[in-house]
Amino acid sequence: NTGRKTGFWLEELAAPYYVFKDAGVEITLADFDTVFYPGGHGPMW
């Protein structure tokens, strides 16, 4: 409740892709070889 933004470290992310959160996106796991989760404080919430 600080009012400060979480963001993420740009160096942790090579190419931005937004996935599934209220987007109605279906992910087919067969389409991906792996997953990479960059950091930033936001994932904790």
ModelCIF file with pLDDT and N, C-alpha, C, O atoms, coordinates in Angstrom:
data_MODEL
#
_entry.id   MODEL 
#
_entity.id                         1 
_entity.type                       polymer 
_entity.pdbx_number_of_molecules   1 
#
_entity_poly.entity_id                      1 
_entity_poly.type                           'polypeptide(L)' 
_entity_poly.nstd_linkage                   no 
_entity_poly.nstd_monomer                   no 
_entity_poly.pdbx_seq_one_letter_code       NTGRKTGFWLEELAAPYYVFKDAGVEITLADFDTVFYPGGHGPMW 
_entity_poly.pdbx_seq_one_letter_code_can   NTGRKTGFWLEELAAPYYVFKDAGVEITLADFDTVFYPGGHGPMW 
_entity_poly.pdbx_strand_id                 A 
#
loop_
_entity_poly_seq.entity_id 
_entity_poly_seq.num 
_entity_poly_seq.mon_id 
_entity_poly_seq.hetero 
1 1  ASN n 
1 2  THR n 
1 3  GLY n 
1 4  ARG n 
1 5  LYS n 
1 6  THR n 
1 7  GLY n 
1 8  PHE n 
1 9  TRP n 
1 10 LEU n 
1 11 GLU n 
1 12 GLU n 
1 13 LEU n 
1 14 ALA n 
1 15 ALA n 
1 16 PRO n 
1 17 TYR n 
1 18 TYR n 
1 19 VAL n 
1 20 PHE n 
1 21 LYS n 
1 22 ASP n 
1 23 ALA n 
1 24 GLY n 
1 25 VAL n 
1 26 GLU n 
1 27 ILE n 
1 28 THR n 
1 29 LEU n 
1 30 ALA n 
1 31 ASP n 
1 32 PHE n 
1 33 ASP n 
1 34 THR n 
1 35 VAL n 
1 36 PHE n 
1 37 TYR n 
1 38 PRO n 
1 39 GLY n 
1 40 GLY n 
1 41 HIS n 
1 42 GLY n 
1 43 PRO n 
1 44 MET n 
1 45 TRP n 
#
_struct_asym.id          A 
_struct_asym.entity_id   1 
#
loop_
_ma_qa_metric.id 
_ma_qa_metric.mode 
_ma_qa_metric.name 
_ma_qa_metric.software_group_id 
_ma_qa_metric.type 
1 global pLDDT . pLDDT 
2 local  pLDDT . pLDDT 
#
_ma_qa_metric_global.metric_id      1 
_ma_qa_metric_global.metric_value   63.27 
_ma_qa_metric_global.model_id       1 
_ma_qa_metric_global.ordinal_id     1 
#
loop_
_ma_qa_metric_local.label_asym_id 
_ma_qa_metric_local.label_comp_id 
_ma_qa_metric_local.label_seq_id 
_ma_qa_metric_local.metric_id 
_ma_qa_metric_local.metric_value 
_ma_qa_metric_local.model_id 
_ma_qa_metric_local.ordinal_id 
A ASN 1  2 64.00 1 1  
A THR 2  2 61.00 1 2  
A GLY 3  2 63.00 1 3  
A ARG 4  2 57.00 1 4  
A LYS 5  2 56.00 1 5  
A THR 6  2 55.00 1 6  
A GLY 7  2 55.00 1 7  
A PHE 8  2 51.00 1 8  
A TRP 9  2 47.00 1 9  
A LEU 10 2 43.00 1 10 
A GLU 11 2 44.00 1 11 
A GLU 12 2 45.00 1 12 
A LEU 13 2 45.00 1 13 
A ALA 14 2 39.00 1 14 
A ALA 15 2 36.00 1 15 
A PRO 16 2 37.00 1 16 
A TYR 17 2 38.00 1 17 
A TYR 18 2 42.00 1 18 
A VAL 19 2 45.00 1 19 
A PHE 20 2 46.00 1 20 
A LYS 21 2 44.00 1 21 
A ASP 22 2 46.00 1 22 
A ALA 23 2 48.00 1 23 
A GLY 24 2 54.00 1 24 
A VAL 25 2 54.00 1 25 
A GLU 26 2 59.00 1 26 
A ILE 27 2 60.00 1 27 
A THR 28 2 67.00 1 28 
A LEU 29 2 73.00 1 29 
A ALA 30 2 74.00 1 30 
A ASP 31 2 78.00 1 31 
A PHE 32 2 86.00 1 32 
A ASP 33 2 91.00 1 33 
A THR 34 2 92.00 1 34 
A VAL 35 2 90.00 1 35 
A PHE 36 2 91.00 1 36 
A TYR 37 2 91.00 1 37 
A PRO 38 2 88.00 1 38 
A GLY 39 2 83.00 1 39 
A GLY 40 2 83.00 1 40 
A HIS 41 2 84.00 1 41 
A GLY 42 2 82.00 1 42 
A PRO 43 2 87.00 1 43 
A MET 44 2 88.00 1 44 
A TRP 45 2 85.00 1 45 
#
loop_
_atom_site.group_PDB 
_atom_site.id 
_atom_site.type_symbol 
_atom_site.label_atom_id 
_atom_site.label_alt_id 
_atom_site.label_comp_id 
_atom_site.label_asym_id 
_atom_site.label_entity_id 
_atom_site.label_seq_id 
_atom_site.pdbx_PDB_ins_code 
_atom_site.Cartn_x 
_atom_site.Cartn_y 
_atom_site.Cartn_z 
_atom_site.occupancy 
_atom_site.B_iso_or_equiv 
_atom_site.pdbx_formal_charge 
_atom_site.auth_seq_id 
_atom_site.auth_comp_id 
_atom_site.auth_asym_id 
_atom_site.auth_atom_id 
_atom_site.pdbx_PDB_model_num 
ATOM 1   N N  . ASN A 1 1  ? 0.826  -1.215  0.000   1.00 64.00 ? 1  ASN A N  1 
ATOM 2   C CA . ASN A 1 1  ? 0.000  0.000   0.000   1.00 64.00 ? 1  ASN A CA 1 
ATOM 3   C C  . ASN A 1 1  ? 0.859  1.264   0.000   1.00 64.00 ? 1  ASN A C  1 
ATOM 4   O O  . ASN A 1 1  ? 0.438  2.310   0.494   1.00 64.00 ? 1  ASN A O  1 
ATOM 5   N N  . THR A 1 2  ? 2.056  1.161   -0.553  1.00 61.00 ? 2  THR A N  1 
ATOM 6   C CA . THR A 1 2  ? 2.995  2.284   -0.551  1.00 61.00 ? 2  THR A CA 1 
ATOM 7   C C  . THR A 1 2  ? 2.717  3.305   -1.641  1.00 61.00 ? 2  THR A C  1 
ATOM 8   O O  . THR A 1 2  ? 3.165  4.448   -1.551  1.00 61.00 ? 2  THR A O  1 
ATOM 9   N N  . GLY A 1 3  ? 1.980  2.903   -2.672  1.00 63.00 ? 3  GLY A N  1 
ATOM 10  C CA . GLY A 1 3  ? 1.787  3.786   -3.817  1.00 63.00 ? 3  GLY A CA 1 
ATOM 11  C C  . GLY A 1 3  ? 2.952  3.744   -4.792  1.00 63.00 ? 3  GLY A C  1 
ATOM 12  O O  . GLY A 1 3  ? 2.894  4.363   -5.854  1.00 63.00 ? 3  GLY A O  1 
ATOM 13  N N  . ARG A 1 4  ? 4.009  3.019   -4.443  1.00 57.00 ? 4  ARG A N  1 
ATOM 14  C CA . ARG A 1 4  ? 5.175  2.875   -5.329  1.00 57.00 ? 4  ARG A CA 1 
ATOM 15  C C  . ARG A 1 4  ? 4.923  1.751   -6.317  1.00 57.00 ? 4  ARG A C  1 
ATOM 16  O O  . ARG A 1 4  ? 4.279  0.756   -5.986  1.00 57.00 ? 4  ARG A O  1 
ATOM 17  N N  . LYS A 1 5  ? 5.431  1.913   -7.531  1.00 56.00 ? 5  LYS A N  1 
ATOM 18  C CA . LYS A 1 5  ? 5.265  0.915   -8.588  1.00 56.00 ? 5  LYS A CA 1 
ATOM 19  C C  . LYS A 1 5  ? 6.206  -0.271  -8.371  1.00 56.00 ? 5  LYS A C  1 
ATOM 20  O O  . LYS A 1 5  ? 7.320  -0.118  -7.870  1.00 56.00 ? 5  LYS A O  1 
ATOM 21  N N  . THR A 1 6  ? 5.728  -1.462  -8.761  1.00 55.00 ? 6  THR A N  1 
ATOM 22  C CA . THR A 1 6  ? 6.573  -2.655  -8.653  1.00 55.00 ? 6  THR A CA 1 
ATOM 23  C C  . THR A 1 6  ? 7.512  -2.760  -9.833  1.00 55.00 ? 6  THR A C  1 
ATOM 24  O O  . THR A 1 6  ? 8.727  -2.829  -9.655  1.00 55.00 ? 6  THR A O  1 
ATOM 25  N N  . GLY A 1 7  ? 6.964  -2.773  -11.044 1.00 55.00 ? 7  GLY A N  1 
ATOM 26  C CA . GLY A 1 7  ? 7.784  -2.906  -12.239 1.00 55.00 ? 7  GLY A CA 1 
ATOM 27  C C  . GLY A 1 7  ? 8.561  -4.202  -12.264 1.00 55.00 ? 7  GLY A C  1 
ATOM 28  O O  . GLY A 1 7  ? 8.311  -5.115  -11.477 1.00 55.00 ? 7  GLY A O  1 
ATOM 29  N N  . PHE A 1 8  ? 9.503  -4.266  -13.180 1.00 51.00 ? 8  PHE A N  1 
ATOM 30  C CA . PHE A 1 8  ? 10.432 -5.387  -13.258 1.00 51.00 ? 8  PHE A CA 1 
ATOM 31  C C  . PHE A 1 8  ? 11.727 -4.837  -13.826 1.00 51.00 ? 8  PHE A C  1 
ATOM 32  O O  . PHE A 1 8  ? 11.741 -3.771  -14.442 1.00 51.00 ? 8  PHE A O  1 
ATOM 33  N N  . TRP A 1 9  ? 12.801 -5.557  -13.620 1.00 47.00 ? 9  TRP A N  1 
ATOM 34  C CA . TRP A 1 9  ? 14.108 -5.120  -14.101 1.00 47.00 ? 9  TRP A CA 1 
ATOM 35  C C  . TRP A 1 9  ? 14.201 -5.419  -15.575 1.00 47.00 ? 9  TRP A C  1 
ATOM 36  O O  . TRP A 1 9  ? 14.039 -6.569  -15.982 1.00 47.00 ? 9  TRP A O  1 
ATOM 37  N N  . LEU A 1 10 ? 14.459 -4.413  -16.384 1.00 43.00 ? 10 LEU A N  1 
ATOM 38  C CA . LEU A 1 10 ? 14.548 -4.589  -17.823 1.00 43.00 ? 10 LEU A CA 1 
ATOM 39  C C  . LEU A 1 10 ? 15.592 -5.638  -18.194 1.00 43.00 ? 10 LEU A C  1 
ATOM 40  O O  . LEU A 1 10 ? 15.400 -6.396  -19.144 1.00 43.00 ? 10 LEU A O  1 
ATOM 41  N N  . GLU A 1 11 ? 16.687 -5.685  -17.453 1.00 44.00 ? 11 GLU A N  1 
ATOM 42  C CA . GLU A 1 11 ? 17.717 -6.664  -17.778 1.00 44.00 ? 11 GLU A CA 1 
ATOM 43  C C  . GLU A 1 11 ? 17.238 -8.091  -17.549 1.00 44.00 ? 11 GLU A C  1 
ATOM 44  O O  . GLU A 1 11 ? 17.845 -9.026  -18.070 1.00 44.00 ? 11 GLU A O  1 
ATOM 45  N N  . GLU A 1 12 ? 16.172 -8.284  -16.788 1.00 45.00 ? 12 GLU A N  1 
ATOM 46  C CA . GLU A 1 12 ? 15.648 -9.628  -16.563 1.00 45.00 ? 12 GLU A CA 1 
ATOM 47  C C  . GLU A 1 12 ? 14.741 -10.084 -17.702 1.00 45.00 ? 12 GLU A C  1 
ATOM 48  O O  . GLU A 1 12 ? 14.366 -11.255 -17.775 1.00 45.00 ? 12 GLU A O  1 
ATOM 49  N N  . LEU A 1 13 ? 14.396 -9.169  -18.575 1.00 45.00 ? 13 LEU A N  1 
ATOM 50  C CA . LEU A 1 13 ? 13.432 -9.488  -19.609 1.00 45.00 ? 13 LEU A CA 1 
ATOM 51  C C  . LEU A 1 13 ? 13.968 -9.130  -20.989 1.00 45.00 ? 13 LEU A C  1 
ATOM 52  O O  . LEU A 1 13 ? 14.215 -7.961  -21.284 1.00 45.00 ? 13 LEU A O  1 
ATOM 53  N N  . ALA A 1 14 ? 14.144 -10.127 -21.816 1.00 39.00 ? 14 ALA A N  1 
ATOM 54  C CA . ALA A 1 14 ? 14.676 -9.871  -23.152 1.00 39.00 ? 14 ALA A CA 1 
ATOM 55  C C  . ALA A 1 14 ? 13.582 -9.448  -24.133 1.00 39.00 ? 14 ALA A C  1 
ATOM 56  O O  . ALA A 1 14 ? 13.820 -8.590  -24.982 1.00 39.00 ? 14 ALA A O  1 
ATOM 57  N N  . ALA A 1 15 ? 12.399 -10.031 -24.030 1.00 36.00 ? 15 ALA A N  1 
ATOM 58  C CA . ALA A 1 15 ? 11.295 -9.707  -24.934 1.00 36.00 ? 15 ALA A CA 1 
ATOM 59  C C  . ALA A 1 15 ? 9.988  -9.846  -24.176 1.00 36.00 ? 15 ALA A C  1 
ATOM 60  O O  . ALA A 1 15 ? 9.708  -10.918 -23.640 1.00 36.00 ? 15 ALA A O  1 
ATOM 61  N N  . PRO A 1 16 ? 9.174  -8.794  -24.114 1.00 37.00 ? 16 PRO A N  1 
ATOM 62  C CA . PRO A 1 16 ? 7.971  -8.847  -23.281 1.00 37.00 ? 16 PRO A CA 1 
ATOM 63  C C  . PRO A 1 16 ? 6.804  -9.606  -23.925 1.00 37.00 ? 16 PRO A C  1 
ATOM 64  O O  . PRO A 1 16 ? 6.423  -9.346  -25.067 1.00 37.00 ? 16 PRO A O  1 
ATOM 65  N N  . TYR A 1 17 ? 6.264  -10.531 -23.176 1.00 38.00 ? 17 TYR A N  1 
ATOM 66  C CA . TYR A 1 17 ? 5.052  -11.236 -23.557 1.00 38.00 ? 17 TYR A CA 1 
ATOM 67  C C  . TYR A 1 17 ? 4.136  -11.248 -22.349 1.00 38.00 ? 17 TYR A C  1 
ATOM 68  O O  . TYR A 1 17 ? 4.574  -11.532 -21.234 1.00 38.00 ? 17 TYR A O  1 
ATOM 69  N N  . TYR A 1 18 ? 2.878  -10.942 -22.564 1.00 42.00 ? 18 TYR A N  1 
ATOM 70  C CA . TYR A 1 18 ? 1.905  -10.935 -21.482 1.00 42.00 ? 18 TYR A CA 1 
ATOM 71  C C  . TYR A 1 18 ? 1.041  -12.177 -21.610 1.00 42.00 ? 18 TYR A C  1 
ATOM 72  O O  . TYR A 1 18 ? 0.594  -12.517 -22.705 1.00 42.00 ? 18 TYR A O  1 
ATOM 73  N N  . VAL A 1 19 ? 0.810  -12.843 -20.516 1.00 45.00 ? 19 VAL A N  1 
ATOM 74  C CA . VAL A 1 19 ? 0.130  -14.129 -20.575 1.00 45.00 ? 19 VAL A CA 1 
ATOM 75  C C  . VAL A 1 19 ? -1.007 -14.226 -19.575 1.00 45.00 ? 19 VAL A C  1 
ATOM 76  O O  . VAL A 1 19 ? -0.901 -13.699 -18.468 1.00 45.00 ? 19 VAL A O  1 
ATOM 77  N N  . PHE A 1 20 ? -2.032 -14.852 -19.926 1.00 46.00 ? 20 PHE A N  1 
ATOM 78  C CA . PHE A 1 20 ? -3.178 -15.376 -19.210 1.00 46.00 ? 20 PHE A CA 1 
ATOM 79  C C  . PHE A 1 20 ? -3.908 -14.515 -18.199 1.00 46.00 ? 20 PHE A C  1 
ATOM 80  O O  . PHE A 1 20 ? -5.108 -14.746 -18.046 1.00 46.00 ? 20 PHE A O  1 
ATOM 81  N N  . LYS A 1 21 ? -3.355 -13.579 -17.510 1.00 44.00 ? 21 LYS A N  1 
ATOM 82  C CA . LYS A 1 21 ? -4.037 -12.865 -16.435 1.00 44.00 ? 21 LYS A CA 1 
ATOM 83  C C  . LYS A 1 21 ? -5.240 -12.108 -16.986 1.00 44.00 ? 21 LYS A C  1 
ATOM 84  O O  . LYS A 1 21 ? -5.089 -11.035 -17.570 1.00 44.00 ? 21 LYS A O  1 
ATOM 85  N N  . ASP A 1 22 ? -6.400 -12.652 -16.808 1.00 46.00 ? 22 ASP A N  1 
ATOM 86  C CA . ASP A 1 22 ? -7.662 -12.055 -17.246 1.00 46.00 ? 22 ASP A CA 1 
ATOM 87  C C  . ASP A 1 22 ? -7.672 -11.718 -18.735 1.00 46.00 ? 22 ASP A C  1 
ATOM 88  O O  . ASP A 1 22 ? -8.464 -10.884 -19.174 1.00 46.00 ? 22 ASP A O  1 
ATOM 89  N N  . ALA A 1 23 ? -6.809 -12.352 -19.508 1.00 48.00 ? 23 ALA A N  1 
ATOM 90  C CA . ALA A 1 23 ? -6.747 -12.046 -20.933 1.00 48.00 ? 23 ALA A CA 1 
ATOM 91  C C  . ALA A 1 23 ? -7.504 -13.075 -21.763 1.00 48.00 ? 23 ALA A C  1 
ATOM 92  O O  . ALA A 1 23 ? -7.693 -12.896 -22.966 1.00 48.00 ? 23 ALA A O  1 
ATOM 93  N N  . GLY A 1 24 ? -7.934 -14.149 -21.117 1.00 54.00 ? 24 GLY A N  1 
ATOM 94  C CA . GLY A 1 24 ? -8.644 -15.190 -21.843 1.00 54.00 ? 24 GLY A CA 1 
ATOM 95  C C  . GLY A 1 24 ? -7.748 -15.924 -22.824 1.00 54.00 ? 24 GLY A C  1 
ATOM 96  O O  . GLY A 1 24 ? -8.238 -16.543 -23.769 1.00 54.00 ? 24 GLY A O  1 
ATOM 97  N N  . VAL A 1 25 ? -6.450 -15.864 -22.612 1.00 54.00 ? 25 VAL A N  1 
ATOM 98  C CA . VAL A 1 25 ? -5.501 -16.502 -23.517 1.00 54.00 ? 25 VAL A CA 1 
ATOM 99  C C  . VAL A 1 25 ? -5.354 -17.966 -23.139 1.00 54.00 ? 25 VAL A C  1 
ATOM 100 O O  . VAL A 1 25 ? -5.115 -18.293 -21.976 1.00 54.00 ? 25 VAL A O  1 
ATOM 101 N N  . GLU A 1 26 ? -5.496 -18.828 -24.103 1.00 59.00 ? 26 GLU A N  1 
ATOM 102 C CA . GLU A 1 26 ? -5.265 -20.251 -23.896 1.00 59.00 ? 26 GLU A CA 1 
ATOM 103 C C  . GLU A 1 26 ? -3.829 -20.558 -24.287 1.00 59.00 ? 26 GLU A C  1 
ATOM 104 O O  . GLU A 1 26 ? -3.387 -20.208 -25.382 1.00 59.00 ? 26 GLU A O  1 
ATOM 105 N N  . ILE A 1 27 ? -3.123 -21.194 -23.416 1.00 60.00 ? 27 ILE A N  1 
ATOM 106 C CA . ILE A 1 27 ? -1.739 -21.548 -23.690 1.00 60.00 ? 27 ILE A CA 1 
ATOM 107 C C  . ILE A 1 27 ? -1.677 -23.048 -23.932 1.00 60.00 ? 27 ILE A C  1 
ATOM 108 O O  . ILE A 1 27 ? -2.128 -23.837 -23.102 1.00 60.00 ? 27 ILE A O  1 
ATOM 109 N N  . THR A 1 28 ? -1.127 -23.431 -25.051 1.00 67.00 ? 28 THR A N  1 
ATOM 110 C CA . THR A 1 28 ? -0.918 -24.831 -25.360 1.00 67.00 ? 28 THR A CA 1 
ATOM 111 C C  . THR A 1 28 ? 0.539  -25.143 -25.038 1.00 67.00 ? 28 THR A C  1 
ATOM 112 O O  . THR A 1 28 ? 1.454  -24.661 -25.706 1.00 67.00 ? 28 THR A O  1 
ATOM 113 N N  . LEU A 1 29 ? 0.734  -25.947 -24.016 1.00 73.00 ? 29 LEU A N  1 
ATOM 114 C CA . LEU A 1 29 ? 2.090  -26.233 -23.561 1.00 73.00 ? 29 LEU A CA 1 
ATOM 115 C C  . LEU A 1 29 ? 2.947  -26.873 -24.634 1.00 73.00 ? 29 LEU A C  1 
ATOM 116 O O  . LEU A 1 29 ? 4.165  -26.695 -24.648 1.00 73.00 ? 29 LEU A O  1 
ATOM 117 N N  . ALA A 1 30 ? 2.323  -27.612 -25.529 1.00 74.00 ? 30 ALA A N  1 
ATOM 118 C CA . ALA A 1 30 ? 3.084  -28.242 -26.613 1.00 74.00 ? 30 ALA A CA 1 
ATOM 119 C C  . ALA A 1 30 ? 3.739  -27.198 -27.513 1.00 74.00 ? 30 ALA A C  1 
ATOM 120 O O  . ALA A 1 30 ? 4.697  -27.500 -28.225 1.00 74.00 ? 30 ALA A O  1 
ATOM 121 N N  . ASP A 1 31 ? 3.223  -25.968 -27.481 1.00 78.00 ? 31 ASP A N  1 
ATOM 122 C CA . ASP A 1 31 ? 3.785  -24.901 -28.312 1.00 78.00 ? 31 ASP A CA 1 
ATOM 123 C C  . ASP A 1 31 ? 5.069  -24.307 -27.729 1.00 78.00 ? 31 ASP A C  1 
ATOM 124 O O  . ASP A 1 31 ? 5.766  -23.559 -28.416 1.00 78.00 ? 31 ASP A O  1 
ATOM 125 N N  . PHE A 1 32 ? 5.390  -24.628 -26.477 1.00 86.00 ? 32 PHE A N  1 
ATOM 126 C CA . PHE A 1 32 ? 6.536  -24.025 -25.805 1.00 86.00 ? 32 PHE A CA 1 
ATOM 127 C C  . PHE A 1 32 ? 7.496  -25.083 -25.294 1.00 86.00 ? 32 PHE A C  1 
ATOM 128 O O  . PHE A 1 32 ? 7.088  -26.149 -24.833 1.00 86.00 ? 32 PHE A O  1 
ATOM 129 N N  . ASP A 1 33 ? 8.777  -24.767 -25.387 1.00 91.00 ? 33 ASP A N  1 
ATOM 130 C CA . ASP A 1 33 ? 9.816  -25.668 -24.905 1.00 91.00 ? 33 ASP A CA 1 
ATOM 131 C C  . ASP A 1 33 ? 10.157 -25.397 -23.444 1.00 91.00 ? 33 ASP A C  1 
ATOM 132 O O  . ASP A 1 33 ? 10.682 -26.264 -22.746 1.00 91.00 ? 33 ASP A O  1 
ATOM 133 N N  . THR A 1 34 ? 9.852  -24.188 -22.992 1.00 92.00 ? 34 THR A N  1 
ATOM 134 C CA . THR A 1 34 ? 10.215 -23.791 -21.640 1.00 92.00 ? 34 THR A CA 1 
ATOM 135 C C  . THR A 1 34 ? 9.432  -22.542 -21.249 1.00 92.00 ? 34 THR A C  1 
ATOM 136 O O  . THR A 1 34 ? 8.697  -21.966 -22.052 1.00 92.00 ? 34 THR A O  1 
ATOM 137 N N  . VAL A 1 35 ? 9.610  -22.145 -20.000 1.00 90.00 ? 35 VAL A N  1 
ATOM 138 C CA . VAL A 1 35 ? 9.058  -20.884 -19.514 1.00 90.00 ? 35 VAL A CA 1 
ATOM 139 C C  . VAL A 1 35 ? 10.150 -20.175 -18.711 1.00 90.00 ? 35 VAL A C  1 
ATOM 140 O O  . VAL A 1 35 ? 10.951 -20.808 -18.023 1.00 90.00 ? 35 VAL A O  1 
ATOM 141 N N  . PHE A 1 36 ? 10.160 -18.851 -18.816 1.00 91.00 ? 36 PHE A N  1 
ATOM 142 C CA . PHE A 1 36 ? 11.121 -18.021 -18.084 1.00 91.00 ? 36 PHE A CA 1 
ATOM 143 C C  . PHE A 1 36 ? 10.332 -16.969 -17.316 1.00 91.00 ? 36 PHE A C  1 
ATOM 144 O O  . PHE A 1 36 ? 9.548  -16.228 -17.908 1.00 91.00 ? 36 PHE A O  1 
ATOM 145 N N  . TYR A 1 37 ? 10.531 -16.900 -16.014 1.00 91.00 ? 37 TYR A N  1 
ATOM 146 C CA . TYR A 1 37 ? 9.888  -15.915 -15.155 1.00 91.00 ? 37 TYR A CA 1 
ATOM 147 C C  . TYR A 1 37 ? 10.938 -14.891 -14.710 1.00 91.00 ? 37 TYR A C  1 
ATOM 148 O O  . TYR A 1 37 ? 11.762 -15.205 -13.851 1.00 91.00 ? 37 TYR A O  1 
ATOM 149 N N  . PRO A 1 38 ? 10.931 -13.675 -15.269 1.00 88.00 ? 38 PRO A N  1 
ATOM 150 C CA . PRO A 1 38 ? 11.820 -12.638 -14.752 1.00 88.00 ? 38 PRO A CA 1 
ATOM 151 C C  . PRO A 1 38 ? 11.284 -12.156 -13.401 1.00 88.00 ? 38 PRO A C  1 
ATOM 152 O O  . PRO A 1 38 ? 10.161 -12.489 -13.023 1.00 88.00 ? 38 PRO A O  1 
ATOM 153 N N  . GLY A 1 39 ? 12.068 -11.390 -12.691 1.00 83.00 ? 39 GLY A N  1 
ATOM 154 C CA . GLY A 1 39 ? 11.684 -10.977 -11.350 1.00 83.00 ? 39 GLY A CA 1 
ATOM 155 C C  . GLY A 1 39 ? 10.949 -9.658  -11.268 1.00 83.00 ? 39 GLY A C  1 
ATOM 156 O O  . GLY A 1 39 ? 10.062 -9.370  -12.071 1.00 83.00 ? 39 GLY A O  1 
ATOM 157 N N  . GLY A 1 40 ? 11.329 -8.863  -10.287 1.00 83.00 ? 40 GLY A N  1 
ATOM 158 C CA . GLY A 1 40 ? 10.585 -7.680  -9.905  1.00 83.00 ? 40 GLY A CA 1 
ATOM 159 C C  . GLY A 1 40 ? 9.732  -8.059  -8.706  1.00 83.00 ? 40 GLY A C  1 
ATOM 160 O O  . GLY A 1 40 ? 9.467  -9.242  -8.490  1.00 83.00 ? 40 GLY A O  1 
ATOM 161 N N  . HIS A 1 41 ? 9.303  -7.093  -7.935  1.00 84.00 ? 41 HIS A N  1 
ATOM 162 C CA . HIS A 1 41 ? 8.526  -7.391  -6.734  1.00 84.00 ? 41 HIS A CA 1 
ATOM 163 C C  . HIS A 1 41 ? 7.109  -7.886  -7.023  1.00 84.00 ? 41 HIS A C  1 
ATOM 164 O O  . HIS A 1 41 ? 6.545  -8.621  -6.211  1.00 84.00 ? 41 HIS A O  1 
ATOM 165 N N  . GLY A 1 42 ? 6.529  -7.507  -8.145  1.00 82.00 ? 42 GLY A N  1 
ATOM 166 C CA . GLY A 1 42 ? 5.141  -7.841  -8.452  1.00 82.00 ? 42 GLY A CA 1 
ATOM 167 C C  . GLY A 1 42 ? 4.767  -9.304  -8.331  1.00 82.00 ? 42 GLY A C  1 
ATOM 168 O O  . GLY A 1 42 ? 3.691  -9.598  -7.811  1.00 82.00 ? 42 GLY A O  1 
ATOM 169 N N  . PRO A 1 43 ? 5.599  -10.248 -8.785  1.00 87.00 ? 43 PRO A N  1 
ATOM 170 C CA . PRO A 1 43 ? 5.218  -11.663 -8.722  1.00 87.00 ? 43 PRO A CA 1 
ATOM 171 C C  . PRO A 1 43 ? 4.858  -12.148 -7.316  1.00 87.00 ? 43 PRO A C  1 
ATOM 172 O O  . PRO A 1 43 ? 4.137  -13.135 -7.167  1.00 87.00 ? 43 PRO A O  1 
ATOM 173 N N  . MET A 1 44 ? 5.349  -11.471 -6.301  1.00 88.00 ? 44 MET A N  1 
ATOM 174 C CA . MET A 1 44 ? 5.058  -11.895 -4.935  1.00 88.00 ? 44 MET A CA 1 
ATOM 175 C C  . MET A 1 44 ? 3.588  -11.675 -4.589  1.00 88.00 ? 44 MET A C  1 
ATOM 176 O O  . MET A 1 44 ? 3.045  -12.349 -3.713  1.00 88.00 ? 44 MET A O  1 
ATOM 177 N N  . TRP A 1 45 ? 2.953  -10.744 -5.266  1.00 85.00 ? 45 TRP A N  1 
ATOM 178 C CA . TRP A 1 45 ? 1.544  -10.484 -5.010  1.00 85.00 ? 45 TRP A CA 1 
ATOM 179 C C  . TRP A 1 45 ? 0.631  -11.268 -5.952  1.00 85.00 ? 45 TRP A C  1 
ATOM 180 O O  . TRP A 1 45 ? -0.591 -11.157 -5.862  1.00 85.00 ? 45 TRP A O  1 
#
